[in-house]
Amino acid sequence: MARESKTWTLETADGAHIVEFFPRTAFKPAKLMIDGSIAPLDMTRSFYEGIDQPILTGGGHDIRLVSKGKFTDIAYDGVYMESGNAYEPLPKISNANWVFVIISLAAIILGGAIPSACAVGGAAAGAAIALNKSLGNKTKIVLGALIAALTWALAIGLSFFFVKGMKLVEKNTAAKFGLDEYSIELTRDFRKDNDTEGLLEAGDELVFAVYSDEVYAFATKISESQLKLIYDVELASAEEYFLAYFDIDKSDIKRTESGREYITYAEGERRYVISVEHANKAFYFTQLQCLEKNAEKCIPKMIEWTNGIKITDSEG
């Protein structure tokens, strides 16, 4: 797809000339053509500064090509041809301000999205200040230095608080759902083997999922408000939870030595030990399962593990 260009026909002392300008795109540099031939562009100005250069200098007139952003026009003897406004030179960034722009951009070396965003934003702000026509040179230099310093301060500070915040989240998550607090001693670390496919119902929050060669275990949490919102169910105890979701009698609900309510049942080739704890206006559901062929050995162990489960929640 051909990029759009702008064309002017200019009358000078040495005749008429056709000027065509192709603005810069993401993949192509700007291009100037005069009378069908490529003409040189002033490459000493940056993208931020735009193009402001004389053309057709031998024709007895002051003719300049001016282009910045979406604005492109020819200034003919001090007047823009399309708008009729008076020509004003595009400002340039001083060497001192270029240093501050580069210093701001250098914050990208800190790595990560936050420093990169600060670096790009600081460089853009520094360039904007440097090109502001209403500010004096000394003011531009002072503001440029302040922006560079602020860019680095923000990049370092925000990165620090972000990392600190992430560590705090990890710490709270570990304290809330840590494997050790469930006293289930399986052979694999759930943080490395977290096979959760098919475990969660709508509204459930996964607490953990672990497995050994013989036993699979996972735990989920769902709040009373989520039960009401998603399933339109109001439950007030672990017993009510069991009776609502399993085809059992009250007599099938047992308690471990620690008082945790659980049930055992068989389905297909698997045997299950399922416990529910009602706390902090939520239900904590833990399921342990093994193959039927290993039930004699594993069921007592799974009940022992269930007895040792301790729910620790930051809300409690």
C-alpha atoms as a PDB file:
ATOM      1  CA  MET A   1       0.000   0.000   0.000  1.00  0.00           C
ATOM      2  CA  ALA A   2       1.470   3.324  -1.154  1.00  0.00           C
ATOM      3  CA  ARG A   3       1.842   5.960   1.559  1.00  0.00           C
ATOM      4  CA  GLU A   4       0.105   9.299   1.091  1.00  0.00           C
ATOM      5  CA  SER A   5       2.159  12.269  -0.026  1.00  0.00           C
ATOM      6  CA  LYS A   6       1.684  16.022  -0.357  1.00  0.00           C
ATOM      7  CA  THR A   7       2.426  17.927  -3.558  1.00  0.00           C
ATOM      8  CA  TRP A   8       2.938  21.630  -4.273  1.00  0.00           C
ATOM      9  CA  THR A   9       3.641  23.539  -7.487  1.00  0.00           C
ATOM     10  CA  LEU A  10       5.951  26.478  -6.759  1.00  0.00           C
ATOM     11  CA  GLU A  11       6.710  29.412  -9.033  1.00  0.00           C
ATOM     12  CA  THR A  12      10.228  30.827  -8.754  1.00  0.00           C
ATOM     13  CA  ALA A  13      12.470  33.088 -10.828  1.00  0.00           C
ATOM     14  CA  ASP A  14      13.842  30.052 -12.641  1.00  0.00           C
ATOM     15  CA  GLY A  15      10.445  28.579 -13.452  1.00  0.00           C
ATOM     16  CA  ALA A  16       7.828  26.291 -11.933  1.00  0.00           C
ATOM     17  CA  HIS A  17       8.833  23.361  -9.730  1.00  0.00           C
ATOM     18  CA  ILE A  18       6.861  20.397  -8.413  1.00  0.00           C
ATOM     19  CA  VAL A  19       7.644  19.477  -4.812  1.00  0.00           C
ATOM     20  CA  GLU A  20       6.407  16.170  -3.407  1.00  0.00           C
ATOM     21  CA  PHE A  21       6.914  15.047   0.195  1.00  0.00           C
ATOM     22  CA  PHE A  22       6.380  11.560   1.644  1.00  0.00           C
ATOM     23  CA  PRO A  23       6.115  11.653   5.449  1.00  0.00           C
ATOM     24  CA  ARG A  24       7.976   9.209   7.670  1.00  0.00           C
ATOM     25  CA  THR A  25       6.219   5.934   8.544  1.00  0.00           C
ATOM     26  CA  ALA A  26       7.088   3.106  10.892  1.00  0.00           C
ATOM     27  CA  PHE A  27       8.930   1.274   8.126  1.00  0.00           C
ATOM     28  CA  LYS A  28      10.019   3.995   5.735  1.00  0.00           C
ATOM     29  CA  PRO A  29      11.979   7.240   6.210  1.00  0.00           C
ATOM     30  CA  ALA A  30      10.670  10.567   5.000  1.00  0.00           C
ATOM     31  CA  LYS A  31      11.364  11.354   1.344  1.00  0.00           C
ATOM     32  CA  LEU A  32      11.495  14.653  -0.574  1.00  0.00           C
ATOM     33  CA  MET A  33      11.234  14.832  -4.360  1.00  0.00           C
ATOM     34  CA  ILE A  34      11.656  17.941  -6.484  1.00  0.00           C
ATOM     35  CA  ASP A  35      10.735  17.785 -10.158  1.00  0.00           C
ATOM     36  CA  GLY A  36      10.690  13.972  -9.967  1.00  0.00           C
ATOM     37  CA  SER A  37      14.155  13.608  -8.426  1.00  0.00           C
ATOM     38  CA  ILE A  38      14.991  12.731  -4.823  1.00  0.00           C
ATOM     39  CA  ALA A  39      16.244  15.771  -2.897  1.00  0.00           C
ATOM     40  CA  PRO A  40      18.294  15.667   0.320  1.00  0.00           C
ATOM     41  CA  LEU A  41      16.605  16.054   3.692  1.00  0.00           C
ATOM     42  CA  ASP A  42      18.206  17.651   6.745  1.00  0.00           C
ATOM     43  CA  MET A  43      19.151  14.606   8.852  1.00  0.00           C
ATOM     44  CA  THR A  44      20.647  16.677  11.687  1.00  0.00           C
ATOM     45  CA  ARG A  45      17.225  17.115  13.258  1.00  0.00           C
ATOM     46  CA  SER A  46      15.618  14.326  15.278  1.00  0.00           C
ATOM     47  CA  PHE A  47      12.138  12.869  14.950  1.00  0.00           C
ATOM     48  CA  TYR A  48      11.074  14.993  17.934  1.00  0.00           C
ATOM     49  CA  GLU A  49      12.340  18.187  16.290  1.00  0.00           C
ATOM     50  CA  GLY A  50      10.736  17.565  12.913  1.00  0.00           C
ATOM     51  CA  ILE A  51      11.858  18.853   9.507  1.00  0.00           C
ATOM     52  CA  ASP A  52      12.462  22.550   8.904  1.00  0.00           C
ATOM     53  CA  GLN A  53      14.781  23.167   5.977  1.00  0.00           C
ATOM     54  CA  PRO A  54      15.180  25.487   2.965  1.00  0.00           C
ATOM     55  CA  ILE A  55      14.499  24.100  -0.533  1.00  0.00           C
ATOM     56  CA  LEU A  56      14.804  25.627  -4.031  1.00  0.00           C
ATOM     57  CA  THR A  57      17.328  28.137  -2.708  1.00  0.00           C
ATOM     58  CA  GLY A  58      18.336  29.409  -6.146  1.00  0.00           C
ATOM     59  CA  GLY A  59      14.929  30.667  -7.205  1.00  0.00           C
ATOM     60  CA  GLY A  60      14.940  34.100  -5.548  1.00  0.00           C
ATOM     61  CA  HIS A  61      12.499  33.192  -2.759  1.00  0.00           C
ATOM     62  CA  ASP A  62      12.709  31.946   0.841  1.00  0.00           C
ATOM     63  CA  ILE A  63      11.067  28.522   0.548  1.00  0.00           C
ATOM     64  CA  ARG A  64      11.075  26.028   3.421  1.00  0.00           C
ATOM     65  CA  LEU A  65       9.673  22.552   3.921  1.00  0.00           C
ATOM     66  CA  VAL A  66       8.225  22.220   7.441  1.00  0.00           C
ATOM     67  CA  SER A  67       6.934  18.908   8.769  1.00  0.00           C
ATOM     68  CA  LYS A  68       6.306  17.685  12.290  1.00  0.00           C
ATOM     69  CA  GLY A  69       3.805  15.063  13.373  1.00  0.00           C
ATOM     70  CA  LYS A  70       0.692  15.408  11.258  1.00  0.00           C
ATOM     71  CA  PHE A  71       1.605  18.938  10.144  1.00  0.00           C
ATOM     72  CA  THR A  72       3.348  19.383   6.783  1.00  0.00           C
ATOM     73  CA  ASP A  73       3.415  22.589   4.712  1.00  0.00           C
ATOM     74  CA  ILE A  74       5.594  24.823   2.568  1.00  0.00           C
ATOM     75  CA  ALA A  75       6.538  28.221   3.961  1.00  0.00           C
ATOM     76  CA  TYR A  76       6.854  30.539   0.948  1.00  0.00           C
ATOM     77  CA  ASP A  77       8.469  33.856   1.776  1.00  0.00           C
ATOM     78  CA  GLY A  78       7.455  33.564   5.429  1.00  0.00           C
ATOM     79  CA  VAL A  79       3.856  32.437   4.875  1.00  0.00           C
ATOM     80  CA  TYR A  80       2.507  28.893   4.915  1.00  0.00           C
ATOM     81  CA  MET A  81       0.909  28.073   1.576  1.00  0.00           C
ATOM     82  CA  GLU A  82      -2.003  26.001   2.900  1.00  0.00           C
ATOM     83  CA  SER A  83      -2.952  27.807   6.116  1.00  0.00           C
ATOM     84  CA  GLY A  84      -1.810  31.346   5.263  1.00  0.00           C
ATOM     85  CA  ASN A  85      -0.260  31.636   8.734  1.00  0.00           C
ATOM     86  CA  ALA A  86       3.105  33.237   9.352  1.00  0.00           C
ATOM     87  CA  TYR A  87       6.068  30.865   9.387  1.00  0.00           C
ATOM     88  CA  GLU A  88       7.763  30.244  12.742  1.00  0.00           C
ATOM     89  CA  PRO A  89      10.936  28.132  12.891  1.00  0.00           C
ATOM     90  CA  LEU A  90      10.560  24.761  14.583  1.00  0.00           C
ATOM     91  CA  PRO A  91      12.624  24.756  17.795  1.00  0.00           C
ATOM     92  CA  LYS A  92      15.620  22.454  18.217  1.00  0.00           C
ATOM     93  CA  ILE A  93      16.695  20.560  21.298  1.00  0.00           C
ATOM     94  CA  SER A  94      19.872  21.954  22.795  1.00  0.00           C
ATOM     95  CA  ASN A  95      22.864  19.690  23.420  1.00  0.00           C
ATOM     96  CA  ALA A  96      22.349  19.997  27.186  1.00  0.00           C
ATOM     97  CA  ASN A  97      18.724  18.914  26.950  1.00  0.00           C
ATOM     98  CA  TRP A  98      19.685  16.041  24.656  1.00  0.00           C
ATOM     99  CA  VAL A  99      21.939  14.782  27.444  1.00  0.00           C
ATOM    100  CA  PHE A 100      19.015  14.810  29.892  1.00  0.00           C
ATOM    101  CA  VAL A 101      16.747  13.047  27.385  1.00  0.00           C
ATOM    102  CA  ILE A 102      19.366  10.320  26.931  1.00  0.00           C
ATOM    103  CA  ILE A 103      19.849  10.030  30.707  1.00  0.00           C
ATOM    104  CA  SER A 104      16.102   9.542  31.106  1.00  0.00           C
ATOM    105  CA  LEU A 105      15.990   6.950  28.343  1.00  0.00           C
ATOM    106  CA  ALA A 106      18.929   5.111  29.919  1.00  0.00           C
ATOM    107  CA  ALA A 107      16.674   4.089  32.837  1.00  0.00           C
ATOM    108  CA  ILE A 108      15.554   1.288  30.553  1.00  0.00           C
ATOM    109  CA  ILE A 109      18.723  -0.605  31.538  1.00  0.00           C
ATOM    110  CA  LEU A 110      17.107  -1.332  34.920  1.00  0.00           C
ATOM    111  CA  GLY A 111      15.025  -3.897  33.081  1.00  0.00           C
ATOM    112  CA  GLY A 112      11.330  -4.670  33.294  1.00  0.00           C
ATOM    113  CA  ALA A 113       8.137  -2.977  32.197  1.00  0.00           C
ATOM    114  CA  ILE A 114       8.080  -0.291  34.919  1.00  0.00           C
ATOM    115  CA  PRO A 115      11.584   1.141  34.279  1.00  0.00           C
ATOM    116  CA  SER A 116      10.981   0.949  30.517  1.00  0.00           C
ATOM    117  CA  ALA A 117       7.730   2.897  30.812  1.00  0.00           C
ATOM    118  CA  CYS A 118       9.391   5.472  33.066  1.00  0.00           C
ATOM    119  CA  ALA A 119      12.329   5.792  30.653  1.00  0.00           C
ATOM    120  CA  VAL A 120      10.171   6.337  27.576  1.00  0.00           C
ATOM    121  CA  GLY A 121       7.837   8.699  29.423  1.00  0.00           C
ATOM    122  CA  GLY A 122      10.734  10.684  30.909  1.00  0.00           C
ATOM    123  CA  ALA A 123      12.488  10.988  27.551  1.00  0.00           C
ATOM    124  CA  ALA A 124       9.275  12.153  25.866  1.00  0.00           C
ATOM    125  CA  ALA A 125       8.609  14.686  28.632  1.00  0.00           C
ATOM    126  CA  GLY A 126      12.187  15.951  28.467  1.00  0.00           C
ATOM    127  CA  ALA A 127      11.958  16.390  24.697  1.00  0.00           C
ATOM    128  CA  ALA A 128       8.619  18.199  25.015  1.00  0.00           C
ATOM    129  CA  ILE A 129      10.092  20.609  27.564  1.00  0.00           C
ATOM    130  CA  ALA A 130      13.131  21.218  25.358  1.00  0.00           C
ATOM    131  CA  LEU A 131      10.903  22.080  22.383  1.00  0.00           C
ATOM    132  CA  ASN A 132       8.561  24.368  24.304  1.00  0.00           C
ATOM    133  CA  LYS A 133       8.726  27.781  22.637  1.00  0.00           C
ATOM    134  CA  SER A 134       7.483  29.640  25.697  1.00  0.00           C
ATOM    135  CA  LEU A 135      10.408  28.587  27.905  1.00  0.00           C
ATOM    136  CA  GLY A 136      13.851  30.114  28.034  1.00  0.00           C
ATOM    137  CA  ASN A 137      17.003  28.046  27.537  1.00  0.00           C
ATOM    138  CA  LYS A 138      18.014  28.131  31.221  1.00  0.00           C
ATOM    139  CA  THR A 139      14.515  27.053  32.272  1.00  0.00           C
ATOM    140  CA  LYS A 140      14.580  24.215  29.747  1.00  0.00           C
ATOM    141  CA  ILE A 141      17.911  22.975  31.105  1.00  0.00           C
ATOM    142  CA  VAL A 142      16.747  23.092  34.733  1.00  0.00           C
ATOM    143  CA  LEU A 143      13.473  21.330  33.941  1.00  0.00           C
ATOM    144  CA  GLY A 144      15.295  18.790  31.752  1.00  0.00           C
ATOM    145  CA  ALA A 145      17.614  17.913  34.637  1.00  0.00           C
ATOM    146  CA  LEU A 146      14.698  17.599  37.051  1.00  0.00           C
ATOM    147  CA  ILE A 147      12.798  15.324  34.661  1.00  0.00           C
ATOM    148  CA  ALA A 148      15.871  13.089  34.213  1.00  0.00           C
ATOM    149  CA  ALA A 149      16.301  12.808  37.987  1.00  0.00           C
ATOM    150  CA  LEU A 150      12.590  12.165  38.510  1.00  0.00           C
ATOM    151  CA  THR A 151      12.599   9.503  35.790  1.00  0.00           C
ATOM    152  CA  TRP A 152      15.318   7.528  37.546  1.00  0.00           C
ATOM    153  CA  ALA A 153      13.743   8.043  40.959  1.00  0.00           C
ATOM    154  CA  LEU A 154      10.396   6.749  39.708  1.00  0.00           C
ATOM    155  CA  ALA A 155      11.962   3.843  37.823  1.00  0.00           C
ATOM    156  CA  ILE A 156      13.911   2.713  40.889  1.00  0.00           C
ATOM    157  CA  GLY A 157      11.208   3.522  43.440  1.00  0.00           C
ATOM    158  CA  LEU A 158       8.286   1.947  41.592  1.00  0.00           C
ATOM    159  CA  SER A 159      10.352  -1.134  40.759  1.00  0.00           C
ATOM    160  CA  PHE A 160      11.320  -1.482  44.426  1.00  0.00           C
ATOM    161  CA  PHE A 161       7.749  -1.200  45.659  1.00  0.00           C
ATOM    162  CA  PHE A 162       6.500  -3.516  42.909  1.00  0.00           C
ATOM    163  CA  VAL A 163       9.036  -6.196  43.812  1.00  0.00           C
ATOM    164  CA  LYS A 164       8.377  -5.657  47.519  1.00  0.00           C
ATOM    165  CA  GLY A 165       4.639  -5.900  46.876  1.00  0.00           C
ATOM    166  CA  MET A 166       5.050  -9.117  44.893  1.00  0.00           C
ATOM    167  CA  LYS A 167       7.143 -10.628  47.679  1.00  0.00           C
ATOM    168  CA  LEU A 168       4.490  -9.600  50.186  1.00  0.00           C
ATOM    169  CA  VAL A 169       1.801 -11.253  48.056  1.00  0.00           C
ATOM    170  CA  GLU A 170       3.898 -14.398  47.792  1.00  0.00           C
ATOM    171  CA  LYS A 171       4.502 -14.348  51.542  1.00  0.00           C
ATOM    172  CA  ASN A 172       0.810 -13.903  52.328  1.00  0.00           C
ATOM    173  CA  THR A 173      -0.138 -16.576  49.824  1.00  0.00           C
ATOM    174  CA  ALA A 174       2.379 -18.973  51.332  1.00  0.00           C
ATOM    175  CA  ALA A 175       1.083 -18.201  54.804  1.00  0.00           C
ATOM    176  CA  LYS A 176      -2.500 -18.663  53.714  1.00  0.00           C
ATOM    177  CA  PHE A 177      -2.238 -21.714  51.507  1.00  0.00           C
ATOM    178  CA  GLY A 178       1.170 -23.187  52.348  1.00  0.00           C
ATOM    179  CA  LEU A 179       1.531 -26.928  51.896  1.00  0.00           C
ATOM    180  CA  ASP A 180       3.186 -27.368  55.290  1.00  0.00           C
ATOM    181  CA  GLU A 181       0.139 -25.935  57.050  1.00  0.00           C
ATOM    182  CA  TYR A 182      -1.967 -28.792  55.719  1.00  0.00           C
ATOM    183  CA  SER A 183       0.457 -31.419  57.076  1.00  0.00           C
ATOM    184  CA  ILE A 184      -0.024 -33.510  53.949  1.00  0.00           C
ATOM    185  CA  GLU A 185       3.358 -35.040  53.315  1.00  0.00           C
ATOM    186  CA  LEU A 186       3.312 -36.074  49.676  1.00  0.00           C
ATOM    187  CA  THR A 187       6.353 -36.637  47.526  1.00  0.00           C
ATOM    188  CA  ARG A 188       6.034 -33.688  45.127  1.00  0.00           C
ATOM    189  CA  ASP A 189       5.937 -29.959  45.726  1.00  0.00           C
ATOM    190  CA  PHE A 190       2.589 -28.524  44.570  1.00  0.00           C
ATOM    191  CA  ARG A 191       4.352 -25.347  43.455  1.00  0.00           C
ATOM    192  CA  LYS A 192       6.139 -27.436  40.809  1.00  0.00           C
ATOM    193  CA  ASP A 193       3.439 -30.019  40.055  1.00  0.00           C
ATOM    194  CA  ASN A 194       0.191 -28.095  39.987  1.00  0.00           C
ATOM    195  CA  ASP A 195      -2.056 -30.199  37.772  1.00  0.00           C
ATOM    196  CA  THR A 196      -5.396 -28.464  38.292  1.00  0.00           C
ATOM    197  CA  GLU A 197      -7.261 -29.317  35.090  1.00  0.00           C
ATOM    198  CA  GLY A 198     -10.884 -30.185  35.802  1.00  0.00           C
ATOM    199  CA  LEU A 199     -10.672 -29.496  39.537  1.00  0.00           C
ATOM    200  CA  LEU A 200     -12.424 -26.154  39.824  1.00  0.00           C
ATOM    201  CA  GLU A 201     -16.112 -25.388  39.720  1.00  0.00           C
ATOM    202  CA  ALA A 202     -17.467 -21.910  39.078  1.00  0.00           C
ATOM    203  CA  GLY A 203     -16.448 -19.588  41.903  1.00  0.00           C
ATOM    204  CA  ASP A 204     -13.910 -21.964  43.447  1.00  0.00           C
ATOM    205  CA  GLU A 205     -10.460 -20.748  44.375  1.00  0.00           C
ATOM    206  CA  LEU A 206      -7.719 -23.351  44.216  1.00  0.00           C
ATOM    207  CA  VAL A 207      -5.837 -23.806  47.485  1.00  0.00           C
ATOM    208  CA  PHE A 208      -3.465 -26.534  46.359  1.00  0.00           C
ATOM    209  CA  ALA A 209      -3.170 -29.607  44.138  1.00  0.00           C
ATOM    210  CA  VAL A 210      -0.551 -32.261  44.844  1.00  0.00           C
ATOM    211  CA  TYR A 211       0.033 -35.899  44.059  1.00  0.00           C
ATOM    212  CA  SER A 212       2.364 -38.748  44.798  1.00  0.00           C
ATOM    213  CA  ASP A 213       2.619 -42.056  43.009  1.00  0.00           C
ATOM    214  CA  GLU A 214      -0.391 -43.378  44.915  1.00  0.00           C
ATOM    215  CA  VAL A 215      -2.443 -40.444  46.222  1.00  0.00           C
ATOM    216  CA  TYR A 216      -3.874 -37.313  44.617  1.00  0.00           C
ATOM    217  CA  ALA A 217      -5.046 -34.399  46.746  1.00  0.00           C
ATOM    218  CA  PHE A 218      -6.480 -30.972  46.093  1.00  0.00           C
ATOM    219  CA  ALA A 219      -8.286 -28.290  48.051  1.00  0.00           C
ATOM    220  CA  THR A 220     -10.558 -25.462  46.999  1.00  0.00           C
ATOM    221  CA  LYS A 221     -12.279 -22.598  48.727  1.00  0.00           C
ATOM    222  CA  ILE A 222     -15.622 -20.985  47.939  1.00  0.00           C
ATOM    223  CA  SER A 223     -17.227 -18.205  49.957  1.00  0.00           C
ATOM    224  CA  GLU A 224     -20.809 -18.124  51.198  1.00  0.00           C
ATOM    225  CA  SER A 225     -21.465 -15.099  49.000  1.00  0.00           C
ATOM    226  CA  GLN A 226     -20.178 -16.912  45.903  1.00  0.00           C
ATOM    227  CA  LEU A 227     -22.419 -19.910  46.647  1.00  0.00           C
ATOM    228  CA  LYS A 228     -25.373 -17.576  46.880  1.00  0.00           C
ATOM    229  CA  LEU A 229     -24.439 -15.587  43.775  1.00  0.00           C
ATOM    230  CA  ILE A 230     -23.511 -18.511  41.498  1.00  0.00           C
ATOM    231  CA  TYR A 231     -25.664 -21.388  42.737  1.00  0.00           C
ATOM    232  CA  ASP A 232     -28.356 -19.553  44.723  1.00  0.00           C
ATOM    233  CA  VAL A 233     -27.557 -21.778  47.701  1.00  0.00           C
ATOM    234  CA  GLU A 234     -27.240 -20.745  51.342  1.00  0.00           C
ATOM    235  CA  LEU A 235     -25.338 -23.164  53.574  1.00  0.00           C
ATOM    236  CA  ALA A 236     -24.425 -22.655  57.210  1.00  0.00           C
ATOM    237  CA  SER A 237     -22.242 -25.651  58.090  1.00  0.00           C
ATOM    238  CA  ALA A 238     -19.963 -28.342  56.726  1.00  0.00           C
ATOM    239  CA  GLU A 239     -22.731 -30.878  57.363  1.00  0.00           C
ATOM    240  CA  GLU A 240     -25.151 -28.905  55.170  1.00  0.00           C
ATOM    241  CA  TYR A 241     -22.454 -28.701  52.476  1.00  0.00           C
ATOM    242  CA  PHE A 242     -22.018 -32.510  52.478  1.00  0.00           C
ATOM    243  CA  LEU A 243     -25.760 -33.183  52.374  1.00  0.00           C
ATOM    244  CA  ALA A 244     -26.263 -30.652  49.572  1.00  0.00           C
ATOM    245  CA  TYR A 245     -23.593 -32.025  47.248  1.00  0.00           C
ATOM    246  CA  PHE A 246     -23.316 -35.745  48.056  1.00  0.00           C
ATOM    247  CA  ASP A 247     -25.862 -38.540  48.108  1.00  0.00           C
ATOM    248  CA  ILE A 248     -25.237 -39.509  51.737  1.00  0.00           C
ATOM    249  CA  ASP A 249     -26.961 -39.724  55.110  1.00  0.00           C
ATOM    250  CA  LYS A 250     -25.952 -37.764  58.191  1.00  0.00           C
ATOM    251  CA  SER A 251     -24.564 -40.972  59.640  1.00  0.00           C
ATOM    252  CA  ASP A 252     -22.024 -41.122  56.794  1.00  0.00           C
ATOM    253  CA  ILE A 253     -20.383 -37.919  58.024  1.00  0.00           C
ATOM    254  CA  LYS A 254     -17.559 -38.697  60.417  1.00  0.00           C
ATOM    255  CA  ARG A 255     -15.091 -36.607  62.401  1.00  0.00           C
ATOM    256  CA  THR A 256     -11.358 -36.916  62.770  1.00  0.00           C
ATOM    257  CA  GLU A 257      -9.670 -36.635  66.152  1.00  0.00           C
ATOM    258  CA  SER A 258      -9.177 -32.922  65.462  1.00  0.00           C
ATOM    259  CA  GLY A 259     -12.922 -32.495  64.836  1.00  0.00           C
ATOM    260  CA  ARG A 260     -12.726 -32.131  61.063  1.00  0.00           C
ATOM    261  CA  GLU A 261     -15.809 -33.514  59.296  1.00  0.00           C
ATOM    262  CA  TYR A 262     -15.176 -35.951  56.447  1.00  0.00           C
ATOM    263  CA  ILE A 263     -16.717 -38.714  54.378  1.00  0.00           C
ATOM    264  CA  THR A 264     -15.282 -41.690  52.508  1.00  0.00           C
ATOM    265  CA  TYR A 265     -16.769 -43.240  49.404  1.00  0.00           C
ATOM    266  CA  ALA A 266     -15.945 -45.324  46.371  1.00  0.00           C
ATOM    267  CA  GLU A 267     -16.564 -44.467  42.739  1.00  0.00           C
ATOM    268  CA  GLY A 268     -15.318 -46.560  39.838  1.00  0.00           C
ATOM    269  CA  GLU A 269     -11.722 -47.560  40.416  1.00  0.00           C
ATOM    270  CA  ARG A 270     -11.067 -44.878  43.015  1.00  0.00           C
ATOM    271  CA  ARG A 271     -11.596 -44.343  46.711  1.00  0.00           C
ATOM    272  CA  TYR A 272     -11.996 -40.887  48.244  1.00  0.00           C
ATOM    273  CA  VAL A 273     -11.641 -39.110  51.560  1.00  0.00           C
ATOM    274  CA  ILE A 274     -13.353 -35.725  51.418  1.00  0.00           C
ATOM    275  CA  SER A 275     -13.407 -33.153  54.199  1.00  0.00           C
ATOM    276  CA  VAL A 276     -15.078 -29.769  54.507  1.00  0.00           C
ATOM    277  CA  GLU A 277     -14.382 -26.973  56.947  1.00  0.00           C
ATOM    278  CA  HIS A 278     -16.672 -23.975  57.365  1.00  0.00           C
ATOM    279  CA  ALA A 279     -14.700 -20.924  58.516  1.00  0.00           C
ATOM    280  CA  ASN A 280     -14.327 -17.224  57.724  1.00  0.00           C
ATOM    281  CA  LYS A 281     -17.684 -17.258  55.869  1.00  0.00           C
ATOM    282  CA  ALA A 282     -16.282 -19.771  53.376  1.00  0.00           C
ATOM    283  CA  PHE A 283     -16.142 -23.513  52.760  1.00  0.00           C
ATOM    284  CA  TYR A 284     -12.753 -25.209  52.431  1.00  0.00           C
ATOM    285  CA  PHE A 285     -13.139 -28.459  50.500  1.00  0.00           C
ATOM    286  CA  THR A 286     -10.287 -31.003  50.522  1.00  0.00           C
ATOM    287  CA  GLN A 287     -10.335 -34.216  48.508  1.00  0.00           C
ATOM    288  CA  LEU A 288      -7.806 -37.039  48.679  1.00  0.00           C
ATOM    289  CA  GLN A 289      -8.097 -39.994  46.339  1.00  0.00           C
ATOM    290  CA  CYS A 290      -6.338 -43.257  45.534  1.00  0.00           C
ATOM    291  CA  LEU A 291      -6.870 -46.262  43.315  1.00  0.00           C
ATOM    292  CA  GLU A 292      -9.164 -48.935  44.667  1.00  0.00           C
ATOM    293  CA  LYS A 293      -6.327 -51.459  44.561  1.00  0.00           C
ATOM    294  CA  ASN A 294      -4.359 -49.284  47.022  1.00  0.00           C
ATOM    295  CA  ALA A 295      -7.312 -48.439  49.271  1.00  0.00           C
ATOM    296  CA  GLU A 296      -6.410 -50.775  52.140  1.00  0.00           C
ATOM    297  CA  LYS A 297      -3.036 -49.102  52.515  1.00  0.00           C
ATOM    298  CA  CYS A 298      -3.966 -45.523  51.546  1.00  0.00           C
ATOM    299  CA  ILE A 299      -7.353 -44.885  53.181  1.00  0.00           C
ATOM    300  CA  PRO A 300      -5.980 -44.914  56.774  1.00  0.00           C
ATOM    301  CA  LYS A 301      -3.163 -42.647  55.693  1.00  0.00           C
ATOM    302  CA  MET A 302      -5.552 -40.236  53.921  1.00  0.00           C
ATOM    303  CA  ILE A 303      -7.722 -40.072  57.050  1.00  0.00           C
ATOM    304  CA  GLU A 304      -4.577 -39.370  59.078  1.00  0.00           C
ATOM    305  CA  TRP A 305      -3.672 -36.561  56.688  1.00  0.00           C
ATOM    306  CA  THR A 306      -7.234 -35.215  56.866  1.00  0.00           C
ATOM    307  CA  ASN A 307      -6.937 -35.151  60.655  1.00  0.00           C
ATOM    308  CA  GLY A 308      -3.828 -32.976  60.286  1.00  0.00           C
ATOM    309  CA  ILE A 309      -5.295 -30.423  57.862  1.00  0.00           C
ATOM    310  CA  LYS A 310      -5.240 -26.936  59.315  1.00  0.00           C
ATOM    311  CA  ILE A 311      -6.856 -24.094  57.416  1.00  0.00           C
ATOM    312  CA  THR A 312      -4.972 -20.830  57.878  1.00  0.00           C
ATOM    313  CA  ASP A 313      -6.617 -17.808  56.316  1.00  0.00           C
ATOM    314  CA  SER A 314      -5.595 -14.156  56.630  1.00  0.00           C
ATOM    315  CA  GLU A 315      -9.246 -13.273  57.234  1.00  0.00           C
ATOM    316  CA  GLY A 316      -9.417 -15.471  60.312  1.00  0.00           C
END
